[in-house]
Amino acid sequence: MRACLIAAVLSIAPFSQVLADTVAYGVAYDELYRIDLGTRVATSVGRTGTYAGLPLSNLTGLSYGPGNELYAIAGNQKSLIRIDSNNASTTYIGNFGLTGQGQGQLDSLDLSMTYGCDGSFWMTSAVSRDLWRVSAQSAAITRIGSTSRQISGLAMRNGVLYGTGIGADQGLYTINMQNGAATRISTLADTVPWIDPGFGSDGKLWASLSYNPPFDREWSDLARFDLATGAMTNLGPITGPASLSHISMKGFAVAPNSCVPEVPDGSPVAPAALPIQSNWAMILLGLLVLAASGWHLRRRFNQPL
């Protein structure tokens, strides 16, 4: 009975991951925010500070990484950083070695990033249209190929890399991790200058929509994608403190990546799980606890005096 009880508890553990997420994180310029997904209200966690006397700013590509900690790209330094979700204190990981390869006065590459099931980060540039694999330990990069698209955001689910395109390439894509080629799932009707997606633990694809520049919109928006059709639904503005007003939220993360194991032929194998409704899991656990308690009581009363 004890073994059955332990097995039931362990079987419920992965179930908790399918519950709807209530909190996400976003970055805007040099500040980390905690976002209530139900109310779309953001609360400041803190600013990311400096490294080598320079600010860690123009933040993009917010993603959960090793240890389920938050990582991001400091665009002004073209570097990988780790951000503490409790106070926004920042650890500098390393430089990508891409200085001088951007465009304009700010040497902009418009980088985006997500964490992969191989233990590396994956990064794209909406300017150069490159796809790189990034070491989570050193920030060393390996070029994979060209997406041929202006990809502003990345997200991964069960080993599949998704990207959101902007400008003439606006839409939802899958991206080949062997050669970088982007395959369009959908085309979006509305013009959104920056889209950054993030999967929830239940498999829903969320995104932040940012407009500045070129538009002068007070708030970024929260959206959700239908993964099957690629259709996007704008849920409304992400409001918050004055520090977020008119500042684009160009990094967005909801939950750590889900990586489903594969059989030798490469096809995914879904792990065994209880029904998705939480009440079934709790009922089963309750019945097992009652049974275990009854068993122990019977043993006690059956003991000789």
C-alpha atoms as a PDB file:
ATOM      1  CA  MET A   1       0.000   0.000   0.000  1.00  0.00           C
ATOM      2  CA  ARG A   2       2.827   2.372   0.808  1.00  0.00           C
ATOM      3  CA  ALA A   3       4.330   1.698  -2.617  1.00  0.00           C
ATOM      4  CA  CYS A   4       0.979   2.391  -4.272  1.00  0.00           C
ATOM      5  CA  LEU A   5       0.669   5.673  -2.411  1.00  0.00           C
ATOM      6  CA  ILE A   6       4.152   6.791  -3.466  1.00  0.00           C
ATOM      7  CA  ALA A   7       3.420   5.808  -7.071  1.00  0.00           C
ATOM      8  CA  ALA A   8       0.217   7.838  -7.014  1.00  0.00           C
ATOM      9  CA  VAL A   9       1.990  10.928  -5.716  1.00  0.00           C
ATOM     10  CA  LEU A  10       4.713  10.579  -8.358  1.00  0.00           C
ATOM     11  CA  SER A  11       2.126  10.124 -11.105  1.00  0.00           C
ATOM     12  CA  ILE A  12       0.415  13.341 -10.030  1.00  0.00           C
ATOM     13  CA  ALA A  13       3.670  15.343 -10.098  1.00  0.00           C
ATOM     14  CA  PRO A  14       3.812  15.707 -13.904  1.00  0.00           C
ATOM     15  CA  PHE A  15       0.088  16.412 -13.886  1.00  0.00           C
ATOM     16  CA  SER A  16       0.689  19.729 -12.107  1.00  0.00           C
ATOM     17  CA  GLN A  17       2.448  20.949 -15.230  1.00  0.00           C
ATOM     18  CA  VAL A  18      -0.796  20.890 -17.258  1.00  0.00           C
ATOM     19  CA  LEU A  19      -2.537  23.341 -14.955  1.00  0.00           C
ATOM     20  CA  ALA A  20      -3.055  26.765 -16.478  1.00  0.00           C
ATOM     21  CA  ASP A  21      -0.274  29.238 -15.760  1.00  0.00           C
ATOM     22  CA  THR A  22      -1.203  32.407 -13.908  1.00  0.00           C
ATOM     23  CA  VAL A  23       2.098  34.314 -13.951  1.00  0.00           C
ATOM     24  CA  ALA A  24       4.578  35.192 -16.705  1.00  0.00           C
ATOM     25  CA  TYR A  25       7.687  37.372 -16.862  1.00  0.00           C
ATOM     26  CA  GLY A  26       8.595  40.087 -19.310  1.00  0.00           C
ATOM     27  CA  VAL A  27      11.511  42.431 -19.928  1.00  0.00           C
ATOM     28  CA  ALA A  28      11.289  45.991 -21.205  1.00  0.00           C
ATOM     29  CA  TYR A  29      14.541  47.848 -21.946  1.00  0.00           C
ATOM     30  CA  ASP A  30      16.434  47.201 -18.662  1.00  0.00           C
ATOM     31  CA  GLU A  31      13.697  46.062 -16.292  1.00  0.00           C
ATOM     32  CA  LEU A  32      12.121  42.723 -15.365  1.00  0.00           C
ATOM     33  CA  TYR A  33       8.361  42.516 -14.768  1.00  0.00           C
ATOM     34  CA  ARG A  34       6.082  39.878 -13.278  1.00  0.00           C
ATOM     35  CA  ILE A  35       2.787  39.636 -15.191  1.00  0.00           C
ATOM     36  CA  ASP A  36      -0.569  38.369 -13.975  1.00  0.00           C
ATOM     37  CA  LEU A  37      -1.941  36.597 -17.065  1.00  0.00           C
ATOM     38  CA  GLY A  38      -5.518  36.888 -15.861  1.00  0.00           C
ATOM     39  CA  THR A  39      -5.573  40.632 -15.247  1.00  0.00           C
ATOM     40  CA  ARG A  40      -2.698  41.543 -17.652  1.00  0.00           C
ATOM     41  CA  VAL A  41      -1.159  43.706 -14.916  1.00  0.00           C
ATOM     42  CA  ALA A  42       2.637  43.870 -14.700  1.00  0.00           C
ATOM     43  CA  THR A  43       4.608  44.505 -11.514  1.00  0.00           C
ATOM     44  CA  SER A  44       8.233  45.622 -11.571  1.00  0.00           C
ATOM     45  CA  VAL A  45      10.726  43.112 -10.140  1.00  0.00           C
ATOM     46  CA  GLY A  46      13.768  45.344 -10.664  1.00  0.00           C
ATOM     47  CA  ARG A  47      16.398  46.641 -13.065  1.00  0.00           C
ATOM     48  CA  THR A  48      19.189  44.524 -14.497  1.00  0.00           C
ATOM     49  CA  GLY A  49      22.115  46.812 -13.668  1.00  0.00           C
ATOM     50  CA  THR A  50      25.462  47.045 -15.453  1.00  0.00           C
ATOM     51  CA  TYR A  51      28.451  45.003 -16.569  1.00  0.00           C
ATOM     52  CA  ALA A  52      31.964  46.383 -17.194  1.00  0.00           C
ATOM     53  CA  GLY A  53      30.621  49.872 -16.592  1.00  0.00           C
ATOM     54  CA  LEU A  54      27.923  49.588 -19.276  1.00  0.00           C
ATOM     55  CA  PRO A  55      24.187  49.068 -18.748  1.00  0.00           C
ATOM     56  CA  LEU A  56      22.631  45.708 -19.514  1.00  0.00           C
ATOM     57  CA  SER A  57      19.787  47.030 -21.623  1.00  0.00           C
ATOM     58  CA  ASN A  58      17.765  46.587 -24.822  1.00  0.00           C
ATOM     59  CA  LEU A  59      16.668  43.291 -23.301  1.00  0.00           C
ATOM     60  CA  THR A  60      15.107  40.665 -25.572  1.00  0.00           C
ATOM     61  CA  GLY A  61      14.716  36.895 -25.773  1.00  0.00           C
ATOM     62  CA  LEU A  62      13.617  36.238 -22.195  1.00  0.00           C
ATOM     63  CA  SER A  63      13.561  32.469 -21.634  1.00  0.00           C
ATOM     64  CA  TYR A  64      13.733  29.881 -18.902  1.00  0.00           C
ATOM     65  CA  GLY A  65      17.066  28.064 -19.068  1.00  0.00           C
ATOM     66  CA  PRO A  66      19.203  25.707 -16.971  1.00  0.00           C
ATOM     67  CA  GLY A  67      17.773  25.172 -13.495  1.00  0.00           C
ATOM     68  CA  ASN A  68      14.520  26.817 -14.656  1.00  0.00           C
ATOM     69  CA  GLU A  69      16.144  30.205 -14.157  1.00  0.00           C
ATOM     70  CA  LEU A  70      15.467  33.213 -16.380  1.00  0.00           C
ATOM     71  CA  TYR A  71      17.941  34.196 -19.090  1.00  0.00           C
ATOM     72  CA  ALA A  72      17.868  37.034 -21.598  1.00  0.00           C
ATOM     73  CA  ILE A  73      19.857  38.852 -24.256  1.00  0.00           C
ATOM     74  CA  ALA A  74      21.358  42.243 -23.403  1.00  0.00           C
ATOM     75  CA  GLY A  75      21.123  43.688 -26.911  1.00  0.00           C
ATOM     76  CA  ASN A  76      23.342  46.694 -26.297  1.00  0.00           C
ATOM     77  CA  GLN A  77      26.228  44.381 -25.311  1.00  0.00           C
ATOM     78  CA  LYS A  78      25.129  41.419 -27.507  1.00  0.00           C
ATOM     79  CA  SER A  79      25.544  39.174 -24.502  1.00  0.00           C
ATOM     80  CA  LEU A  80      23.803  36.380 -22.599  1.00  0.00           C
ATOM     81  CA  ILE A  81      22.727  37.143 -19.025  1.00  0.00           C
ATOM     82  CA  ARG A  82      20.906  35.313 -16.227  1.00  0.00           C
ATOM     83  CA  ILE A  83      18.252  37.215 -14.275  1.00  0.00           C
ATOM     84  CA  ASP A  84      17.043  36.373 -10.768  1.00  0.00           C
ATOM     85  CA  SER A  85      13.238  36.265 -10.885  1.00  0.00           C
ATOM     86  CA  ASN A  86      13.025  37.466  -7.265  1.00  0.00           C
ATOM     87  CA  ASN A  87      14.936  40.748  -7.520  1.00  0.00           C
ATOM     88  CA  ALA A  88      16.265  41.046 -11.119  1.00  0.00           C
ATOM     89  CA  SER A  89      19.885  40.759  -9.990  1.00  0.00           C
ATOM     90  CA  THR A  90      21.908  39.772 -13.037  1.00  0.00           C
ATOM     91  CA  THR A  91      24.767  37.399 -13.795  1.00  0.00           C
ATOM     92  CA  TYR A  92      26.781  38.039 -16.949  1.00  0.00           C
ATOM     93  CA  ILE A  93      27.370  34.787 -18.891  1.00  0.00           C
ATOM     94  CA  GLY A  94      29.290  35.880 -21.989  1.00  0.00           C
ATOM     95  CA  ASN A  95      29.458  37.809 -25.235  1.00  0.00           C
ATOM     96  CA  PHE A  96      28.180  36.400 -28.532  1.00  0.00           C
ATOM     97  CA  GLY A  97      30.999  37.935 -30.560  1.00  0.00           C
ATOM     98  CA  LEU A  98      28.581  39.695 -32.927  1.00  0.00           C
ATOM     99  CA  THR A  99      29.671  43.296 -32.364  1.00  0.00           C
ATOM    100  CA  GLY A 100      29.855  45.261 -35.604  1.00  0.00           C
ATOM    101  CA  GLN A 101      27.542  42.936 -37.508  1.00  0.00           C
ATOM    102  CA  GLY A 102      24.333  44.897 -36.927  1.00  0.00           C
ATOM    103  CA  GLN A 103      22.798  47.888 -38.611  1.00  0.00           C
ATOM    104  CA  GLY A 104      22.380  51.570 -37.825  1.00  0.00           C
ATOM    105  CA  GLN A 105      23.929  53.731 -35.153  1.00  0.00           C
ATOM    106  CA  LEU A 106      23.063  51.199 -32.452  1.00  0.00           C
ATOM    107  CA  ASP A 107      24.584  48.246 -34.353  1.00  0.00           C
ATOM    108  CA  SER A 108      21.193  46.567 -33.980  1.00  0.00           C
ATOM    109  CA  LEU A 109      20.674  42.849 -34.701  1.00  0.00           C
ATOM    110  CA  ASP A 110      17.198  42.472 -33.098  1.00  0.00           C
ATOM    111  CA  LEU A 111      18.093  39.184 -31.414  1.00  0.00           C
ATOM    112  CA  SER A 112      15.605  36.675 -29.998  1.00  0.00           C
ATOM    113  CA  MET A 113      16.166  33.463 -28.031  1.00  0.00           C
ATOM    114  CA  THR A 114      14.680  30.357 -26.435  1.00  0.00           C
ATOM    115  CA  TYR A 115      16.044  27.371 -24.525  1.00  0.00           C
ATOM    116  CA  GLY A 116      16.191  24.053 -26.345  1.00  0.00           C
ATOM    117  CA  CYS A 117      15.739  20.431 -25.367  1.00  0.00           C
ATOM    118  CA  ASP A 118      19.424  19.842 -26.191  1.00  0.00           C
ATOM    119  CA  GLY A 119      20.546  22.044 -23.288  1.00  0.00           C
ATOM    120  CA  SER A 120      21.495  24.960 -25.541  1.00  0.00           C
ATOM    121  CA  PHE A 121      19.841  28.253 -26.315  1.00  0.00           C
ATOM    122  CA  TRP A 122      18.676  28.947 -29.856  1.00  0.00           C
ATOM    123  CA  MET A 123      18.943  32.491 -31.182  1.00  0.00           C
ATOM    124  CA  THR A 124      17.845  34.366 -34.297  1.00  0.00           C
ATOM    125  CA  SER A 125      18.368  37.841 -35.708  1.00  0.00           C
ATOM    126  CA  ALA A 126      15.568  39.711 -37.442  1.00  0.00           C
ATOM    127  CA  VAL A 127      18.258  41.811 -39.147  1.00  0.00           C
ATOM    128  CA  SER A 128      20.757  39.240 -40.427  1.00  0.00           C
ATOM    129  CA  ARG A 129      18.138  36.412 -40.515  1.00  0.00           C
ATOM    130  CA  ASP A 130      20.624  33.943 -38.984  1.00  0.00           C
ATOM    131  CA  LEU A 131      19.918  31.018 -36.648  1.00  0.00           C
ATOM    132  CA  TRP A 132      22.544  30.137 -34.019  1.00  0.00           C
ATOM    133  CA  ARG A 133      22.916  27.567 -31.263  1.00  0.00           C
ATOM    134  CA  VAL A 134      24.235  29.214 -28.081  1.00  0.00           C
ATOM    135  CA  SER A 135      26.132  27.590 -25.223  1.00  0.00           C
ATOM    136  CA  ALA A 136      24.242  28.135 -21.976  1.00  0.00           C
ATOM    137  CA  GLN A 137      27.552  28.081 -20.073  1.00  0.00           C
ATOM    138  CA  SER A 138      29.724  30.445 -22.148  1.00  0.00           C
ATOM    139  CA  ALA A 139      27.447  32.167 -24.729  1.00  0.00           C
ATOM    140  CA  ALA A 140      29.656  30.782 -27.527  1.00  0.00           C
ATOM    141  CA  ILE A 141      27.597  30.570 -30.715  1.00  0.00           C
ATOM    142  CA  THR A 142      27.446  28.169 -33.667  1.00  0.00           C
ATOM    143  CA  ARG A 143      25.735  29.372 -36.832  1.00  0.00           C
ATOM    144  CA  ILE A 144      23.193  26.856 -38.135  1.00  0.00           C
ATOM    145  CA  GLY A 145      21.915  28.652 -41.233  1.00  0.00           C
ATOM    146  CA  SER A 146      19.547  31.324 -42.497  1.00  0.00           C
ATOM    147  CA  THR A 147      15.852  31.568 -41.646  1.00  0.00           C
ATOM    148  CA  SER A 148      15.373  33.948 -44.617  1.00  0.00           C
ATOM    149  CA  ARG A 149      12.761  35.649 -42.409  1.00  0.00           C
ATOM    150  CA  GLN A 150      12.600  38.544 -39.952  1.00  0.00           C
ATOM    151  CA  ILE A 151      12.112  36.430 -36.837  1.00  0.00           C
ATOM    152  CA  SER A 152      11.561  38.514 -33.681  1.00  0.00           C
ATOM    153  CA  GLY A 153      10.740  35.763 -31.202  1.00  0.00           C
ATOM    154  CA  LEU A 154      11.341  32.067 -30.542  1.00  0.00           C
ATOM    155  CA  ALA A 155       9.644  29.385 -28.450  1.00  0.00           C
ATOM    156  CA  MET A 156      10.148  25.631 -28.201  1.00  0.00           C
ATOM    157  CA  ARG A 157       7.718  22.853 -27.355  1.00  0.00           C
ATOM    158  CA  ASN A 158       8.506  19.129 -27.377  1.00  0.00           C
ATOM    159  CA  GLY A 159      11.605  19.660 -29.474  1.00  0.00           C
ATOM    160  CA  VAL A 160       9.909  21.798 -32.148  1.00  0.00           C
ATOM    161  CA  LEU A 161      11.255  25.332 -32.645  1.00  0.00           C
ATOM    162  CA  TYR A 162       8.659  28.010 -33.416  1.00  0.00           C
ATOM    163  CA  GLY A 163       9.294  31.587 -34.493  1.00  0.00           C
ATOM    164  CA  THR A 164       7.237  34.744 -34.918  1.00  0.00           C
ATOM    165  CA  GLY A 165       7.982  36.879 -37.955  1.00  0.00           C
ATOM    166  CA  ILE A 166       7.556  40.635 -38.316  1.00  0.00           C
ATOM    167  CA  GLY A 167       7.447  43.167 -41.147  1.00  0.00           C
ATOM    168  CA  ALA A 168       6.871  41.537 -44.516  1.00  0.00           C
ATOM    169  CA  ASP A 169       7.334  38.159 -42.811  1.00  0.00           C
ATOM    170  CA  GLN A 170       4.720  38.682 -40.113  1.00  0.00           C
ATOM    171  CA  GLY A 171       3.271  35.356 -38.973  1.00  0.00           C
ATOM    172  CA  LEU A 172       3.949  32.135 -37.116  1.00  0.00           C
ATOM    173  CA  TYR A 173       6.624  29.676 -38.307  1.00  0.00           C
ATOM    174  CA  THR A 174       8.328  26.409 -37.512  1.00  0.00           C
ATOM    175  CA  ILE A 175      12.122  26.568 -37.879  1.00  0.00           C
ATOM    176  CA  ASN A 176      14.299  23.681 -39.028  1.00  0.00           C
ATOM    177  CA  MET A 177      17.026  23.228 -36.412  1.00  0.00           C
ATOM    178  CA  GLN A 178      19.338  21.512 -38.902  1.00  0.00           C
ATOM    179  CA  ASN A 179      19.540  24.298 -41.495  1.00  0.00           C
ATOM    180  CA  GLY A 180      17.543  27.257 -40.137  1.00  0.00           C
ATOM    181  CA  ALA A 181      14.817  27.215 -42.790  1.00  0.00           C
ATOM    182  CA  ALA A 182      11.545  28.772 -41.596  1.00  0.00           C
ATOM    183  CA  THR A 183       8.208  27.316 -42.729  1.00  0.00           C
ATOM    184  CA  ARG A 184       5.155  29.543 -42.447  1.00  0.00           C
ATOM    185  CA  ILE A 185       2.151  28.334 -40.448  1.00  0.00           C
ATOM    186  CA  SER A 186       0.104  31.513 -40.739  1.00  0.00           C
ATOM    187  CA  THR A 187       0.061  35.139 -41.841  1.00  0.00           C
ATOM    188  CA  LEU A 188      -1.197  37.758 -39.381  1.00  0.00           C
ATOM    189  CA  ALA A 189      -3.570  40.499 -40.413  1.00  0.00           C
ATOM    190  CA  ASP A 190      -2.551  43.192 -37.913  1.00  0.00           C
ATOM    191  CA  THR A 191       0.750  45.065 -38.106  1.00  0.00           C
ATOM    192  CA  VAL A 192       2.812  44.382 -34.987  1.00  0.00           C
ATOM    193  CA  PRO A 193       6.439  45.629 -35.003  1.00  0.00           C
ATOM    194  CA  TRP A 194       7.634  43.073 -32.403  1.00  0.00           C
ATOM    195  CA  ILE A 195       6.174  39.708 -31.351  1.00  0.00           C
ATOM    196  CA  ASP A 196       7.755  37.536 -28.660  1.00  0.00           C
ATOM    197  CA  PRO A 197       6.128  34.148 -27.916  1.00  0.00           C
ATOM    198  CA  GLY A 198       6.305  31.836 -24.915  1.00  0.00           C
ATOM    199  CA  PHE A 199       4.709  28.462 -24.194  1.00  0.00           C
ATOM    200  CA  GLY A 200       2.795  27.802 -21.019  1.00  0.00           C
ATOM    201  CA  SER A 201       3.197  24.524 -19.178  1.00  0.00           C
ATOM    202  CA  ASP A 202      -0.174  23.433 -20.600  1.00  0.00           C
ATOM    203  CA  GLY A 203       1.034  23.880 -24.196  1.00  0.00           C
ATOM    204  CA  LYS A 204      -0.756  27.166 -24.882  1.00  0.00           C
ATOM    205  CA  LEU A 205       1.311  29.645 -26.870  1.00  0.00           C
ATOM    206  CA  TRP A 206       1.240  33.175 -25.463  1.00  0.00           C
ATOM    207  CA  ALA A 207       3.005  36.268 -26.792  1.00  0.00           C
ATOM    208  CA  SER A 208       3.753  39.883 -26.014  1.00  0.00           C
ATOM    209  CA  LEU A 209       3.033  42.373 -28.803  1.00  0.00           C
ATOM    210  CA  SER A 210       5.113  45.565 -28.838  1.00  0.00           C
ATOM    211  CA  TYR A 211       4.694  48.667 -30.950  1.00  0.00           C
ATOM    212  CA  ASN A 212       7.397  51.228 -30.074  1.00  0.00           C
ATOM    213  CA  PRO A 213       9.019  52.168 -32.335  1.00  0.00           C
ATOM    214  CA  PRO A 214       7.543  53.163 -34.735  1.00  0.00           C
ATOM    215  CA  PHE A 215       4.148  53.607 -33.062  1.00  0.00           C
ATOM    216  CA  ASP A 216       3.633  55.582 -29.877  1.00  0.00           C
ATOM    217  CA  ARG A 217       1.453  53.099 -27.992  1.00  0.00           C
ATOM    218  CA  GLU A 218       1.239  53.371 -24.224  1.00  0.00           C
ATOM    219  CA  TRP A 219       1.269  49.621 -23.528  1.00  0.00           C
ATOM    220  CA  SER A 220       2.359  46.376 -25.096  1.00  0.00           C
ATOM    221  CA  ASP A 221      -0.391  43.783 -25.593  1.00  0.00           C
ATOM    222  CA  LEU A 222      -0.868  40.194 -24.471  1.00  0.00           C
ATOM    223  CA  ALA A 223      -1.876  37.674 -27.142  1.00  0.00           C
ATOM    224  CA  ARG A 224      -2.390  33.960 -27.622  1.00  0.00           C
ATOM    225  CA  PHE A 225      -1.849  31.764 -30.679  1.00  0.00           C
ATOM    226  CA  ASP A 226      -3.821  28.794 -31.922  1.00  0.00           C
ATOM    227  CA  LEU A 227      -0.931  26.460 -32.651  1.00  0.00           C
ATOM    228  CA  ALA A 228      -2.866  24.390 -35.178  1.00  0.00           C
ATOM    229  CA  THR A 229      -3.989  27.287 -37.384  1.00  0.00           C
ATOM    230  CA  GLY A 230      -1.495  29.978 -36.389  1.00  0.00           C
ATOM    231  CA  ALA A 231      -4.344  32.412 -35.706  1.00  0.00           C
ATOM    232  CA  MET A 232      -3.545  35.055 -33.090  1.00  0.00           C
ATOM    233  CA  THR A 233      -5.964  36.602 -30.582  1.00  0.00           C
ATOM    234  CA  ASN A 234      -5.060  39.935 -28.997  1.00  0.00           C
ATOM    235  CA  LEU A 235      -6.211  39.779 -25.354  1.00  0.00           C
ATOM    236  CA  GLY A 236      -5.578  43.438 -24.565  1.00  0.00           C
ATOM    237  CA  PRO A 237      -2.924  45.724 -23.055  1.00  0.00           C
ATOM    238  CA  ILE A 238      -0.380  44.725 -20.406  1.00  0.00           C
ATOM    239  CA  THR A 239      -0.692  47.633 -18.006  1.00  0.00           C
ATOM    240  CA  GLY A 240       1.642  48.433 -15.150  1.00  0.00           C
ATOM    241  CA  PRO A 241       3.776  51.092 -13.485  1.00  0.00           C
ATOM    242  CA  ALA A 242       4.879  54.302 -15.165  1.00  0.00           C
ATOM    243  CA  SER A 243       8.273  52.744 -15.958  1.00  0.00           C
ATOM    244  CA  LEU A 244       6.538  50.383 -18.429  1.00  0.00           C
ATOM    245  CA  SER A 245       4.425  53.047 -20.132  1.00  0.00           C
ATOM    246  CA  HIS A 246       5.486  53.569 -23.789  1.00  0.00           C
ATOM    247  CA  ILE A 247       8.319  51.011 -23.359  1.00  0.00           C
ATOM    248  CA  SER A 248       8.132  47.869 -25.523  1.00  0.00           C
ATOM    249  CA  MET A 249       8.125  44.487 -23.803  1.00  0.00           C
ATOM    250  CA  LYS A 250      10.457  42.579 -26.141  1.00  0.00           C
ATOM    251  CA  GLY A 251      11.033  39.511 -23.991  1.00  0.00           C
ATOM    252  CA  PHE A 252       8.343  37.216 -22.621  1.00  0.00           C
ATOM    253  CA  ALA A 253       8.464  33.869 -20.762  1.00  0.00           C
ATOM    254  CA  VAL A 254       5.638  31.827 -19.262  1.00  0.00           C
ATOM    255  CA  ALA A 255       7.039  28.428 -18.245  1.00  0.00           C
ATOM    256  CA  PRO A 256      10.076  26.174 -18.658  1.00  0.00           C
ATOM    257  CA  ASN A 257      10.173  24.167 -21.885  1.00  0.00           C
ATOM    258  CA  SER A 258       8.513  20.786 -22.157  1.00  0.00           C
ATOM    259  CA  CYS A 259      10.663  18.123 -23.825  1.00  0.00           C
ATOM    260  CA  VAL A 260       8.899  14.856 -24.672  1.00  0.00           C
ATOM    261  CA  PRO A 261      11.188  11.805 -25.003  1.00  0.00           C
ATOM    262  CA  GLU A 262      11.570  10.186 -28.423  1.00  0.00           C
ATOM    263  CA  VAL A 263      11.822   6.572 -29.551  1.00  0.00           C
ATOM    264  CA  PRO A 264      14.731   5.568 -31.845  1.00  0.00           C
ATOM    265  CA  ASP A 265      12.810   6.397 -35.048  1.00  0.00           C
ATOM    266  CA  GLY A 266      12.457  10.001 -33.876  1.00  0.00           C
ATOM    267  CA  SER A 267       8.714  10.008 -33.215  1.00  0.00           C
ATOM    268  CA  PRO A 268       7.539  11.561 -29.936  1.00  0.00           C
ATOM    269  CA  VAL A 269       6.306   9.398 -27.098  1.00  0.00           C
ATOM    270  CA  ALA A 270       3.874  11.061 -24.726  1.00  0.00           C
ATOM    271  CA  PRO A 271       4.501  10.094 -21.096  1.00  0.00           C
ATOM    272  CA  ALA A 272       1.706   8.324 -19.235  1.00  0.00           C
ATOM    273  CA  ALA A 273      -0.422  10.788 -17.315  1.00  0.00           C
ATOM    274  CA  LEU A 274      -3.629  11.017 -15.357  1.00  0.00           C
ATOM    275  CA  PRO A 275      -6.662  12.695 -16.969  1.00  0.00           C
ATOM    276  CA  ILE A 276      -6.066  16.390 -17.303  1.00  0.00           C
ATOM    277  CA  GLN A 277      -8.776  17.442 -14.844  1.00  0.00           C
ATOM    278  CA  SER A 278      -7.177  18.060 -11.460  1.00  0.00           C
ATOM    279  CA  ASN A 279     -10.172  16.735  -9.516  1.00  0.00           C
ATOM    280  CA  TRP A 280      -9.523  13.222 -10.840  1.00  0.00           C
ATOM    281  CA  ALA A 281      -5.974  13.330  -9.535  1.00  0.00           C
ATOM    282  CA  MET A 282      -7.020  14.609  -6.137  1.00  0.00           C
ATOM    283  CA  ILE A 283      -9.850  12.047  -5.824  1.00  0.00           C
ATOM    284  CA  LEU A 284      -7.459   9.214  -6.610  1.00  0.00           C
ATOM    285  CA  LEU A 285      -4.915  10.488  -4.109  1.00  0.00           C
ATOM    286  CA  GLY A 286      -7.616  10.868  -1.449  1.00  0.00           C
ATOM    287  CA  LEU A 287      -8.877   7.315  -1.953  1.00  0.00           C
ATOM    288  CA  LEU A 288      -5.362   5.922  -1.714  1.00  0.00           C
ATOM    289  CA  VAL A 289      -4.674   7.868   1.472  1.00  0.00           C
ATOM    290  CA  LEU A 290      -7.933   6.576   3.029  1.00  0.00           C
ATOM    291  CA  ALA A 291      -7.110   3.025   2.020  1.00  0.00           C
ATOM    292  CA  ALA A 292      -3.622   3.296   3.476  1.00  0.00           C
ATOM    293  CA  SER A 293      -4.994   4.725   6.729  1.00  0.00           C
ATOM    294  CA  GLY A 294      -7.537   1.907   7.031  1.00  0.00           C
ATOM    295  CA  TRP A 295      -4.878  -0.695   6.440  1.00  0.00           C
ATOM    296  CA  HIS A 296      -2.659   0.731   9.191  1.00  0.00           C
ATOM    297  CA  LEU A 297      -5.624   0.896  11.598  1.00  0.00           C
ATOM    298  CA  ARG A 298      -6.484  -2.752  10.945  1.00  0.00           C
ATOM    299  CA  ARG A 299      -2.903  -3.740  11.630  1.00  0.00           C
ATOM    300  CA  ARG A 300      -2.890  -1.801  14.905  1.00  0.00           C
ATOM    301  CA  PHE A 301      -6.128  -3.328  16.241  1.00  0.00           C
ATOM    302  CA  ASN A 302      -5.070  -6.795  15.184  1.00  0.00           C
ATOM    303  CA  GLN A 303      -1.830  -6.619  17.196  1.00  0.00           C
ATOM    304  CA  PRO A 304      -1.787  -8.859  20.317  1.00  0.00           C
ATOM    305  CA  LEU A 305      -1.885  -7.076  23.706  1.00  0.00           C
END
